[in-house]
Amino acid sequence: MKHFKIGIFLMFLFSVACSEKLDFKQVEEFEHRPVIKTPLVYFTLYSNDFIDTVSGAENVNPLSDVSDFRILENAYLRDNLEKIIIDIEVKNEITRDFTVEIVFLDDNGTVIYTLSTLNVPPQNEAFTYQESIEVRLNPIILNTRKTRTSVTISGAATPLIENDPRAFELKSAGTYFIAAE
């Protein structure tokens, strides 16, 4: 009997439920826009990375690394890419400021595009940044084959502590918006 009452209640609920007339023109107006998201740069640095192992002095030169960036070699993506959004997250546990520069390079190492310089305050564990690149305004971005990331530590008023477990961690990703066909 209990199931019968539940069944009657559900039938009543379905019969009085709100509904709209179907609009099939929405399907014709639907525009599929593929989006691809890939990691870009990720690294973790510690205080020891900024201390010269021979002299024990603080290294004032930027730490740099070049990474391959081959996603734009894809012909379909190159022909249909509208926009790239770069998202960056930084967790800085160290008691010093950091400056981060990320540049896009071609196969010859020529700078194609430079993201805005990031100034990360000390002990900021939730620093975020986003930059949008419109391909029609920056078509040379399609020639990117590598990225170079440079990190400089500043704020020498606070000395670095050797073997300090606190870290500077950077994660980034690119979101690629493809034009509808």
N, C-alpha and C. Protein backbone atom coordinates (compact mmCIF):
# COMPACT_ATOMS: atom_id res chain seq x y z
N MET A 1 0.81 -1.19 0.00
CA MET A 1 0.00 0.00 0.00
C MET A 1 0.87 1.27 0.00
N LYS A 2 1.99 1.19 0.75
CA LYS A 2 2.89 2.34 0.83
C LYS A 2 3.45 2.68 -0.55
N HIS A 3 3.84 1.66 -1.33
CA HIS A 3 4.39 1.88 -2.67
C HIS A 3 3.33 2.46 -3.60
N PHE A 4 2.09 2.05 -3.41
CA PHE A 4 1.00 2.56 -4.23
C PHE A 4 0.82 4.07 -3.99
N LYS A 5 0.89 4.49 -2.73
CA LYS A 5 0.74 5.91 -2.39
C LYS A 5 1.90 6.73 -2.97
N ILE A 6 3.09 6.17 -2.89
CA ILE A 6 4.26 6.87 -3.45
C ILE A 6 4.10 6.99 -4.95
N GLY A 7 3.64 5.91 -5.60
CA GLY A 7 3.42 5.93 -7.05
C GLY A 7 2.39 6.98 -7.44
N ILE A 8 1.29 7.07 -6.73
CA ILE A 8 0.24 8.06 -7.00
C ILE A 8 0.81 9.47 -6.82
N PHE A 9 1.58 9.66 -5.75
CA PHE A 9 2.17 10.97 -5.48
C PHE A 9 3.12 11.37 -6.62
N LEU A 10 3.97 10.45 -7.08
CA LEU A 10 4.91 10.76 -8.15
C LEU A 10 4.17 11.06 -9.45
N MET A 11 3.12 10.30 -9.77
CA MET A 11 2.33 10.56 -10.98
C MET A 11 1.71 11.95 -10.91
N PHE A 12 1.19 12.33 -9.74
CA PHE A 12 0.61 13.65 -9.55
C PHE A 12 1.69 14.73 -9.75
N LEU A 13 2.87 14.50 -9.15
CA LEU A 13 3.96 15.45 -9.24
C LEU A 13 4.38 15.66 -10.70
N PHE A 14 4.52 14.58 -11.45
CA PHE A 14 4.92 14.69 -12.86
C PHE A 14 3.84 15.37 -13.71
N SER A 15 2.59 15.17 -13.37
CA SER A 15 1.52 15.75 -14.18
C SER A 15 1.37 17.25 -13.96
N VAL A 16 1.78 17.76 -12.80
CA VAL A 16 1.65 19.19 -12.53
C VAL A 16 2.98 19.92 -12.61
N ALA A 17 4.02 19.22 -12.97
CA ALA A 17 5.34 19.84 -13.05
C ALA A 17 5.35 20.91 -14.14
N CYS A 18 6.18 21.91 -13.94
CA CYS A 18 6.30 22.99 -14.91
C CYS A 18 6.96 22.47 -16.17
N SER A 19 6.53 22.96 -17.30
CA SER A 19 7.17 22.60 -18.56
C SER A 19 7.03 23.76 -19.52
N GLU A 20 7.95 23.79 -20.47
CA GLU A 20 7.92 24.82 -21.50
C GLU A 20 7.80 24.15 -22.86
N LYS A 21 7.37 24.94 -23.82
CA LYS A 21 7.35 24.46 -25.18
C LYS A 21 8.80 24.30 -25.63
N LEU A 22 9.11 23.21 -26.29
CA LEU A 22 10.47 22.96 -26.75
C LEU A 22 10.83 23.92 -27.88
N ASP A 23 12.03 24.45 -27.82
CA ASP A 23 12.53 25.37 -28.84
C ASP A 23 13.67 24.69 -29.59
N PHE A 24 13.36 24.10 -30.72
CA PHE A 24 14.36 23.37 -31.49
C PHE A 24 15.34 24.29 -32.21
N LYS A 25 15.04 25.59 -32.28
CA LYS A 25 15.98 26.54 -32.89
C LYS A 25 17.25 26.67 -32.04
N GLN A 26 17.14 26.36 -30.76
CA GLN A 26 18.32 26.42 -29.89
C GLN A 26 19.39 25.46 -30.39
N VAL A 27 19.00 24.33 -30.90
CA VAL A 27 19.97 23.36 -31.41
C VAL A 27 20.68 23.93 -32.62
N GLU A 28 19.92 24.61 -33.49
CA GLU A 28 20.53 25.20 -34.68
C GLU A 28 21.48 26.34 -34.31
N GLU A 29 21.20 27.04 -33.23
CA GLU A 29 22.03 28.17 -32.81
C GLU A 29 23.22 27.74 -31.96
N PHE A 30 23.24 26.47 -31.53
CA PHE A 30 24.32 25.99 -30.68
C PHE A 30 25.64 26.04 -31.44
N GLU A 31 26.64 26.57 -30.79
CA GLU A 31 27.97 26.68 -31.39
C GLU A 31 28.97 25.96 -30.50
N HIS A 32 29.53 24.88 -31.03
CA HIS A 32 30.50 24.10 -30.28
C HIS A 32 31.87 24.76 -30.40
N ARG A 33 32.49 25.08 -29.27
CA ARG A 33 33.80 25.72 -29.26
C ARG A 33 34.72 24.87 -28.39
N PRO A 34 35.53 24.05 -29.04
CA PRO A 34 36.43 23.20 -28.26
C PRO A 34 37.43 24.02 -27.43
N VAL A 35 37.74 23.49 -26.27
CA VAL A 35 38.71 24.11 -25.37
C VAL A 35 39.67 23.02 -24.91
N ILE A 36 40.96 23.34 -24.96
CA ILE A 36 42.00 22.40 -24.51
C ILE A 36 42.75 23.07 -23.37
N LYS A 37 42.99 22.32 -22.30
CA LYS A 37 43.76 22.86 -21.18
C LYS A 37 44.95 21.93 -20.94
N THR A 38 46.16 22.51 -20.90
CA THR A 38 47.37 21.74 -20.68
C THR A 38 48.26 22.43 -19.66
N PRO A 39 49.05 21.65 -18.94
CA PRO A 39 50.02 22.27 -18.03
C PRO A 39 51.08 23.02 -18.84
N LEU A 40 51.62 24.06 -18.25
CA LEU A 40 52.64 24.85 -18.93
C LEU A 40 53.98 24.73 -18.22
N VAL A 41 54.09 25.29 -17.03
CA VAL A 41 55.33 25.25 -16.25
C VAL A 41 54.98 24.88 -14.82
N TYR A 42 55.81 24.03 -14.22
CA TYR A 42 55.65 23.67 -12.82
C TYR A 42 57.03 23.50 -12.22
N PHE A 43 57.27 24.08 -11.06
CA PHE A 43 58.53 23.85 -10.35
C PHE A 43 58.38 24.23 -8.89
N THR A 44 59.30 23.69 -8.09
CA THR A 44 59.41 24.02 -6.67
C THR A 44 60.86 24.39 -6.39
N LEU A 45 61.06 25.52 -5.73
CA LEU A 45 62.40 25.97 -5.35
C LEU A 45 62.46 26.12 -3.83
N TYR A 46 63.65 25.90 -3.30
CA TYR A 46 63.91 26.06 -1.86
C TYR A 46 65.01 27.09 -1.66
N SER A 47 65.20 27.54 -0.44
CA SER A 47 66.25 28.53 -0.13
C SER A 47 67.61 28.08 -0.64
N ASN A 48 67.90 26.79 -0.51
CA ASN A 48 69.20 26.28 -0.97
C ASN A 48 69.45 26.54 -2.45
N ASP A 49 68.38 26.61 -3.23
CA ASP A 49 68.53 26.85 -4.67
C ASP A 49 69.07 28.25 -4.95
N PHE A 50 68.98 29.15 -3.98
CA PHE A 50 69.45 30.52 -4.16
C PHE A 50 70.75 30.79 -3.40
N ILE A 51 71.38 29.73 -2.90
CA ILE A 51 72.65 29.86 -2.18
C ILE A 51 73.73 29.17 -3.00
N ASP A 52 74.84 29.88 -3.27
CA ASP A 52 75.97 29.31 -4.01
C ASP A 52 76.61 28.23 -3.15
N THR A 53 76.72 27.02 -3.70
CA THR A 53 77.24 25.88 -2.93
C THR A 53 78.72 26.03 -2.58
N VAL A 54 79.49 26.77 -3.38
CA VAL A 54 80.92 26.94 -3.13
C VAL A 54 81.18 28.03 -2.09
N SER A 55 80.62 29.22 -2.34
CA SER A 55 80.91 30.36 -1.47
C SER A 55 79.94 30.48 -0.30
N GLY A 56 78.76 29.89 -0.41
CA GLY A 56 77.75 30.03 0.63
C GLY A 56 77.01 31.35 0.56
N ALA A 57 77.36 32.18 -0.43
CA ALA A 57 76.71 33.48 -0.59
C ALA A 57 75.39 33.33 -1.36
N GLU A 58 74.54 34.30 -1.17
CA GLU A 58 73.27 34.31 -1.88
C GLU A 58 73.50 34.59 -3.36
N ASN A 59 72.83 33.81 -4.20
CA ASN A 59 72.93 33.98 -5.65
C ASN A 59 71.96 35.08 -6.07
N VAL A 60 72.48 36.19 -6.58
CA VAL A 60 71.63 37.31 -6.97
C VAL A 60 71.16 37.20 -8.42
N ASN A 61 71.72 36.25 -9.18
CA ASN A 61 71.31 36.05 -10.57
C ASN A 61 70.02 35.24 -10.62
N PRO A 62 69.19 35.49 -11.64
CA PRO A 62 67.95 34.71 -11.75
C PRO A 62 68.24 33.25 -12.03
N LEU A 63 67.38 32.38 -11.51
CA LEU A 63 67.42 30.97 -11.87
C LEU A 63 66.51 30.83 -13.08
N SER A 64 67.01 30.23 -14.16
CA SER A 64 66.24 30.11 -15.40
C SER A 64 66.21 28.69 -15.88
N ASP A 65 65.12 28.37 -16.59
CA ASP A 65 64.98 27.05 -17.20
C ASP A 65 64.17 27.22 -18.48
N VAL A 66 64.56 26.45 -19.50
CA VAL A 66 63.85 26.46 -20.78
C VAL A 66 63.16 25.11 -20.93
N SER A 67 61.87 25.15 -21.30
CA SER A 67 61.07 23.94 -21.48
C SER A 67 60.49 23.92 -22.89
N ASP A 68 60.33 22.71 -23.42
CA ASP A 68 59.66 22.56 -24.72
C ASP A 68 58.19 22.92 -24.59
N PHE A 69 57.65 23.46 -25.66
CA PHE A 69 56.24 23.87 -25.72
C PHE A 69 55.77 23.54 -27.14
N ARG A 70 55.37 22.30 -27.35
CA ARG A 70 55.12 21.81 -28.71
C ARG A 70 53.65 21.75 -29.09
N ILE A 71 52.73 22.16 -28.22
CA ILE A 71 51.30 22.04 -28.54
C ILE A 71 50.92 22.84 -29.78
N LEU A 72 51.60 23.95 -30.04
CA LEU A 72 51.25 24.78 -31.19
C LEU A 72 51.83 24.26 -32.50
N GLU A 73 52.48 23.11 -32.47
CA GLU A 73 52.91 22.47 -33.72
C GLU A 73 51.73 21.78 -34.42
N ASN A 74 50.65 21.54 -33.70
CA ASN A 74 49.47 20.89 -34.25
C ASN A 74 48.82 21.82 -35.27
N ALA A 75 48.70 21.36 -36.53
CA ALA A 75 48.18 22.19 -37.62
C ALA A 75 46.74 22.65 -37.37
N TYR A 76 45.90 21.74 -36.89
CA TYR A 76 44.50 22.10 -36.63
C TYR A 76 44.42 23.22 -35.59
N LEU A 77 45.19 23.07 -34.53
CA LEU A 77 45.18 24.08 -33.48
C LEU A 77 45.71 25.41 -34.00
N ARG A 78 46.79 25.36 -34.75
CA ARG A 78 47.37 26.60 -35.31
C ARG A 78 46.37 27.33 -36.21
N ASP A 79 45.62 26.57 -37.00
CA ASP A 79 44.69 27.17 -37.96
C ASP A 79 43.41 27.70 -37.30
N ASN A 80 43.07 27.20 -36.13
CA ASN A 80 41.78 27.53 -35.52
C ASN A 80 41.85 28.18 -34.15
N LEU A 81 43.04 28.41 -33.65
CA LEU A 81 43.19 28.96 -32.31
C LEU A 81 42.77 30.43 -32.28
N GLU A 82 41.89 30.77 -31.32
CA GLU A 82 41.44 32.15 -31.16
C GLU A 82 42.12 32.85 -30.00
N LYS A 83 42.25 32.12 -28.90
CA LYS A 83 42.72 32.77 -27.67
C LYS A 83 43.41 31.74 -26.78
N ILE A 84 44.39 32.23 -26.03
CA ILE A 84 45.07 31.43 -25.01
C ILE A 84 44.94 32.18 -23.70
N ILE A 85 44.55 31.46 -22.66
CA ILE A 85 44.55 32.05 -21.31
C ILE A 85 45.57 31.30 -20.48
N ILE A 86 46.51 32.04 -19.92
CA ILE A 86 47.55 31.47 -19.07
C ILE A 86 47.14 31.73 -17.61
N ASP A 87 47.02 30.66 -16.84
CA ASP A 87 46.72 30.75 -15.41
C ASP A 87 47.96 30.35 -14.62
N ILE A 88 48.31 31.16 -13.64
CA ILE A 88 49.49 30.90 -12.82
C ILE A 88 49.08 30.95 -11.35
N GLU A 89 49.55 29.96 -10.59
CA GLU A 89 49.35 29.93 -9.14
C GLU A 89 50.72 29.79 -8.49
N VAL A 90 50.95 30.59 -7.46
CA VAL A 90 52.22 30.55 -6.74
C VAL A 90 51.94 30.39 -5.26
N LYS A 91 52.71 29.51 -4.65
CA LYS A 91 52.68 29.33 -3.20
C LYS A 91 54.08 29.69 -2.70
N ASN A 92 54.21 30.86 -2.09
CA ASN A 92 55.51 31.33 -1.60
C ASN A 92 55.52 31.27 -0.07
N GLU A 93 56.18 30.26 0.46
CA GLU A 93 56.30 30.11 1.91
C GLU A 93 57.55 30.82 2.45
N ILE A 94 58.45 31.20 1.55
CA ILE A 94 59.73 31.81 1.93
C ILE A 94 59.49 33.27 2.32
N THR A 95 60.31 33.78 3.23
CA THR A 95 60.13 35.14 3.76
C THR A 95 60.77 36.21 2.86
N ARG A 96 60.78 35.97 1.57
CA ARG A 96 61.39 36.90 0.62
C ARG A 96 60.47 37.12 -0.58
N ASP A 97 60.63 38.27 -1.23
CA ASP A 97 59.92 38.58 -2.47
C ASP A 97 60.57 37.80 -3.62
N PHE A 98 59.76 37.50 -4.63
CA PHE A 98 60.27 36.86 -5.83
C PHE A 98 59.73 37.59 -7.06
N THR A 99 60.53 37.63 -8.10
CA THR A 99 60.10 38.15 -9.40
C THR A 99 60.18 36.99 -10.38
N VAL A 100 59.09 36.80 -11.14
CA VAL A 100 59.02 35.70 -12.09
C VAL A 100 58.75 36.28 -13.47
N GLU A 101 59.53 35.82 -14.44
CA GLU A 101 59.31 36.22 -15.82
C GLU A 101 59.18 34.96 -16.67
N ILE A 102 58.11 34.89 -17.46
CA ILE A 102 57.90 33.75 -18.37
C ILE A 102 57.82 34.32 -19.78
N VAL A 103 58.69 33.80 -20.66
CA VAL A 103 58.69 34.25 -22.06
C VAL A 103 58.49 33.04 -22.97
N PHE A 104 57.86 33.30 -24.10
CA PHE A 104 57.65 32.28 -25.12
C PHE A 104 58.70 32.49 -26.20
N LEU A 105 59.32 31.39 -26.64
CA LEU A 105 60.41 31.45 -27.60
C LEU A 105 60.10 30.62 -28.84
N ASP A 106 60.72 30.98 -29.98
CA ASP A 106 60.62 30.13 -31.16
C ASP A 106 61.74 29.10 -31.11
N ASP A 107 61.90 28.30 -32.17
CA ASP A 107 62.93 27.26 -32.19
C ASP A 107 64.34 27.81 -32.07
N ASN A 108 64.55 29.05 -32.49
CA ASN A 108 65.88 29.67 -32.44
C ASN A 108 66.16 30.38 -31.12
N GLY A 109 65.19 30.36 -30.21
CA GLY A 109 65.38 31.04 -28.93
C GLY A 109 65.01 32.51 -28.96
N THR A 110 64.41 32.97 -30.05
CA THR A 110 63.98 34.36 -30.16
C THR A 110 62.70 34.55 -29.35
N VAL A 111 62.64 35.64 -28.60
CA VAL A 111 61.47 35.91 -27.78
C VAL A 111 60.29 36.26 -28.69
N ILE A 112 59.19 35.51 -28.51
CA ILE A 112 57.96 35.70 -29.28
C ILE A 112 56.96 36.54 -28.48
N TYR A 113 56.85 36.24 -27.20
CA TYR A 113 55.86 36.91 -26.35
C TYR A 113 56.36 36.84 -24.92
N THR A 114 56.14 37.90 -24.16
CA THR A 114 56.52 37.94 -22.74
C THR A 114 55.28 38.20 -21.90
N LEU A 115 55.03 37.30 -20.95
CA LEU A 115 53.94 37.54 -20.00
C LEU A 115 54.35 38.69 -19.08
N SER A 116 53.37 39.31 -18.48
CA SER A 116 53.67 40.37 -17.51
C SER A 116 54.54 39.81 -16.39
N THR A 117 55.48 40.60 -15.94
CA THR A 117 56.36 40.19 -14.85
C THR A 117 55.54 40.05 -13.56
N LEU A 118 55.76 38.96 -12.86
CA LEU A 118 55.04 38.70 -11.61
C LEU A 118 55.92 39.08 -10.43
N ASN A 119 55.37 39.86 -9.52
CA ASN A 119 56.06 40.22 -8.29
C ASN A 119 55.31 39.55 -7.15
N VAL A 120 55.91 38.48 -6.62
CA VAL A 120 55.26 37.66 -5.60
C VAL A 120 55.76 38.08 -4.22
N PRO A 121 54.87 38.57 -3.36
CA PRO A 121 55.27 39.01 -2.03
C PRO A 121 55.70 37.83 -1.14
N PRO A 122 56.43 38.13 -0.07
CA PRO A 122 56.87 37.06 0.83
C PRO A 122 55.68 36.39 1.52
N GLN A 123 55.82 35.10 1.72
CA GLN A 123 54.85 34.27 2.44
C GLN A 123 53.42 34.44 1.93
N ASN A 124 53.29 34.65 0.64
CA ASN A 124 51.97 34.70 0.00
C ASN A 124 51.71 33.31 -0.56
N GLU A 125 50.85 32.56 0.09
CA GLU A 125 50.62 31.17 -0.29
C GLU A 125 49.44 31.00 -1.24
N ALA A 126 48.88 32.11 -1.72
CA ALA A 126 47.72 32.01 -2.62
C ALA A 126 47.79 33.08 -3.73
N PHE A 127 48.97 33.28 -4.28
CA PHE A 127 49.15 34.26 -5.35
C PHE A 127 48.64 33.67 -6.66
N THR A 128 47.79 34.41 -7.37
CA THR A 128 47.29 33.95 -8.66
C THR A 128 47.42 35.06 -9.69
N TYR A 129 47.54 34.65 -10.94
CA TYR A 129 47.64 35.60 -12.04
C TYR A 129 47.05 34.94 -13.28
N GLN A 130 46.39 35.75 -14.11
CA GLN A 130 45.84 35.24 -15.36
C GLN A 130 46.11 36.26 -16.46
N GLU A 131 46.53 35.75 -17.62
CA GLU A 131 46.76 36.62 -18.77
C GLU A 131 46.14 35.98 -20.00
N SER A 132 45.44 36.81 -20.76
CA SER A 132 44.76 36.36 -21.98
C SER A 132 45.54 36.85 -23.20
N ILE A 133 45.75 35.97 -24.16
CA ILE A 133 46.46 36.31 -25.39
C ILE A 133 45.51 36.08 -26.57
N GLU A 134 45.12 37.15 -27.23
CA GLU A 134 44.27 37.06 -28.42
C GLU A 134 45.17 36.76 -29.62
N VAL A 135 44.93 35.65 -30.29
CA VAL A 135 45.80 35.24 -31.39
C VAL A 135 45.70 36.22 -32.56
N ARG A 136 44.54 36.76 -32.85
CA ARG A 136 44.41 37.70 -33.98
C ARG A 136 45.24 38.96 -33.74
N LEU A 137 45.46 39.34 -32.48
CA LEU A 137 46.27 40.51 -32.16
C LEU A 137 47.75 40.17 -32.01
N ASN A 138 48.05 38.89 -31.75
CA ASN A 138 49.43 38.42 -31.55
C ASN A 138 49.65 37.13 -32.34
N PRO A 139 49.53 37.16 -33.67
CA PRO A 139 49.65 35.92 -34.44
C PRO A 139 51.01 35.25 -34.33
N ILE A 140 52.03 36.00 -33.96
CA ILE A 140 53.37 35.43 -33.82
C ILE A 140 53.43 34.39 -32.69
N ILE A 141 52.46 34.44 -31.78
CA ILE A 141 52.42 33.47 -30.68
C ILE A 141 52.36 32.04 -31.22
N LEU A 142 51.84 31.87 -32.42
CA LEU A 142 51.72 30.54 -33.02
C LEU A 142 53.09 29.93 -33.33
N ASN A 143 54.15 30.73 -33.32
CA ASN A 143 55.51 30.23 -33.57
C ASN A 143 56.20 29.74 -32.31
N THR A 144 55.51 29.78 -31.18
CA THR A 144 56.12 29.36 -29.91
C THR A 144 56.45 27.88 -29.93
N ARG A 145 57.67 27.55 -29.49
CA ARG A 145 58.11 26.16 -29.38
C ARG A 145 58.76 25.86 -28.04
N LYS A 146 59.05 26.93 -27.26
CA LYS A 146 59.70 26.77 -25.96
C LYS A 146 59.22 27.87 -25.02
N THR A 147 59.39 27.65 -23.73
CA THR A 147 59.18 28.70 -22.74
C THR A 147 60.43 28.82 -21.88
N ARG A 148 60.73 30.03 -21.47
CA ARG A 148 61.84 30.25 -20.53
C ARG A 148 61.26 30.93 -19.30
N THR A 149 61.51 30.32 -18.16
CA THR A 149 61.03 30.87 -16.89
C THR A 149 62.25 31.29 -16.09
N SER A 150 62.22 32.53 -15.60
CA SER A 150 63.30 33.06 -14.77
C SER A 150 62.72 33.52 -13.45
N VAL A 151 63.40 33.14 -12.36
CA VAL A 151 62.96 33.51 -11.02
C VAL A 151 64.12 34.22 -10.32
N THR A 152 63.81 35.39 -9.78
CA THR A 152 64.81 36.17 -9.05
C THR A 152 64.28 36.39 -7.64
N ILE A 153 65.15 36.18 -6.67
CA ILE A 153 64.79 36.42 -5.27
C ILE A 153 65.27 37.82 -4.91
N SER A 154 64.49 38.53 -4.11
CA SER A 154 64.87 39.88 -3.69
C SER A 154 64.57 40.07 -2.22
N GLY A 155 64.76 41.26 -1.75
CA GLY A 155 64.48 41.55 -0.34
C GLY A 155 65.57 41.01 0.57
N ALA A 156 66.81 41.38 0.31
CA ALA A 156 67.96 40.84 1.04
C ALA A 156 67.97 41.18 2.52
N ALA A 157 67.03 41.96 3.01
CA ALA A 157 66.99 42.31 4.43
C ALA A 157 66.79 41.08 5.31
N THR A 158 66.13 40.06 4.76
CA THR A 158 65.90 38.81 5.50
C THR A 158 66.86 37.76 4.96
N PRO A 159 67.82 37.28 5.75
CA PRO A 159 68.77 36.30 5.23
C PRO A 159 68.10 34.95 4.95
N LEU A 160 68.63 34.28 3.94
CA LEU A 160 68.14 32.93 3.64
C LEU A 160 68.69 31.95 4.65
N ILE A 161 67.90 30.95 4.96
CA ILE A 161 68.32 29.93 5.91
C ILE A 161 68.61 28.65 5.13
N GLU A 162 69.85 28.18 5.25
CA GLU A 162 70.23 26.96 4.54
C GLU A 162 69.38 25.79 5.07
N ASN A 163 68.96 24.92 4.15
CA ASN A 163 68.13 23.74 4.44
C ASN A 163 66.75 24.09 5.00
N ASP A 164 66.29 25.30 4.73
CA ASP A 164 64.94 25.72 5.13
C ASP A 164 63.93 24.89 4.34
N PRO A 165 62.98 24.22 4.98
CA PRO A 165 62.02 23.38 4.25
C PRO A 165 60.93 24.16 3.53
N ARG A 166 60.82 25.47 3.81
CA ARG A 166 59.79 26.26 3.14
C ARG A 166 60.13 26.38 1.65
N ALA A 167 59.08 26.45 0.81
CA ALA A 167 59.28 26.39 -0.63
C ALA A 167 58.61 27.53 -1.37
N PHE A 168 59.05 27.70 -2.60
CA PHE A 168 58.42 28.58 -3.58
C PHE A 168 57.96 27.66 -4.70
N GLU A 169 56.64 27.53 -4.86
CA GLU A 169 56.08 26.59 -5.84
C GLU A 169 55.26 27.36 -6.86
N LEU A 170 55.53 27.11 -8.14
CA LEU A 170 54.79 27.75 -9.21
C LEU A 170 54.14 26.68 -10.08
N LYS A 171 52.85 26.85 -10.36
CA LYS A 171 52.11 25.98 -11.27
C LYS A 171 51.45 26.87 -12.30
N SER A 172 51.45 26.43 -13.56
CA SER A 172 50.77 27.20 -14.59
C SER A 172 50.15 26.26 -15.61
N ALA A 173 49.14 26.78 -16.29
CA ALA A 173 48.45 26.01 -17.32
C ALA A 173 47.99 26.96 -18.41
N GLY A 174 47.85 26.41 -19.60
CA GLY A 174 47.32 27.16 -20.73
C GLY A 174 45.97 26.59 -21.14
N THR A 175 45.01 27.46 -21.37
CA THR A 175 43.71 27.06 -21.88
C THR A 175 43.61 27.63 -23.29
N TYR A 176 43.35 26.76 -24.26
CA TYR A 176 43.36 27.13 -25.68
C TYR A 176 41.94 27.06 -26.22
N PHE A 177 41.45 28.20 -26.72
CA PHE A 177 40.09 28.30 -27.24
C PHE A 177 40.13 28.20 -28.74
N ILE A 178 39.42 27.22 -29.28
CA ILE A 178 39.45 26.94 -30.72
C ILE A 178 38.17 27.49 -31.35
N ALA A 179 38.32 28.10 -32.52
CA ALA A 179 37.16 28.66 -33.24
C ALA A 179 36.23 27.55 -33.69
N ALA A 180 34.96 27.87 -33.71
CA ALA A 180 33.95 26.92 -34.19
C ALA A 180 34.08 26.79 -35.71
N GLU A 181 33.80 25.61 -36.17
CA GLU A 181 33.90 25.38 -37.63
C GLU A 181 32.62 25.65 -38.32
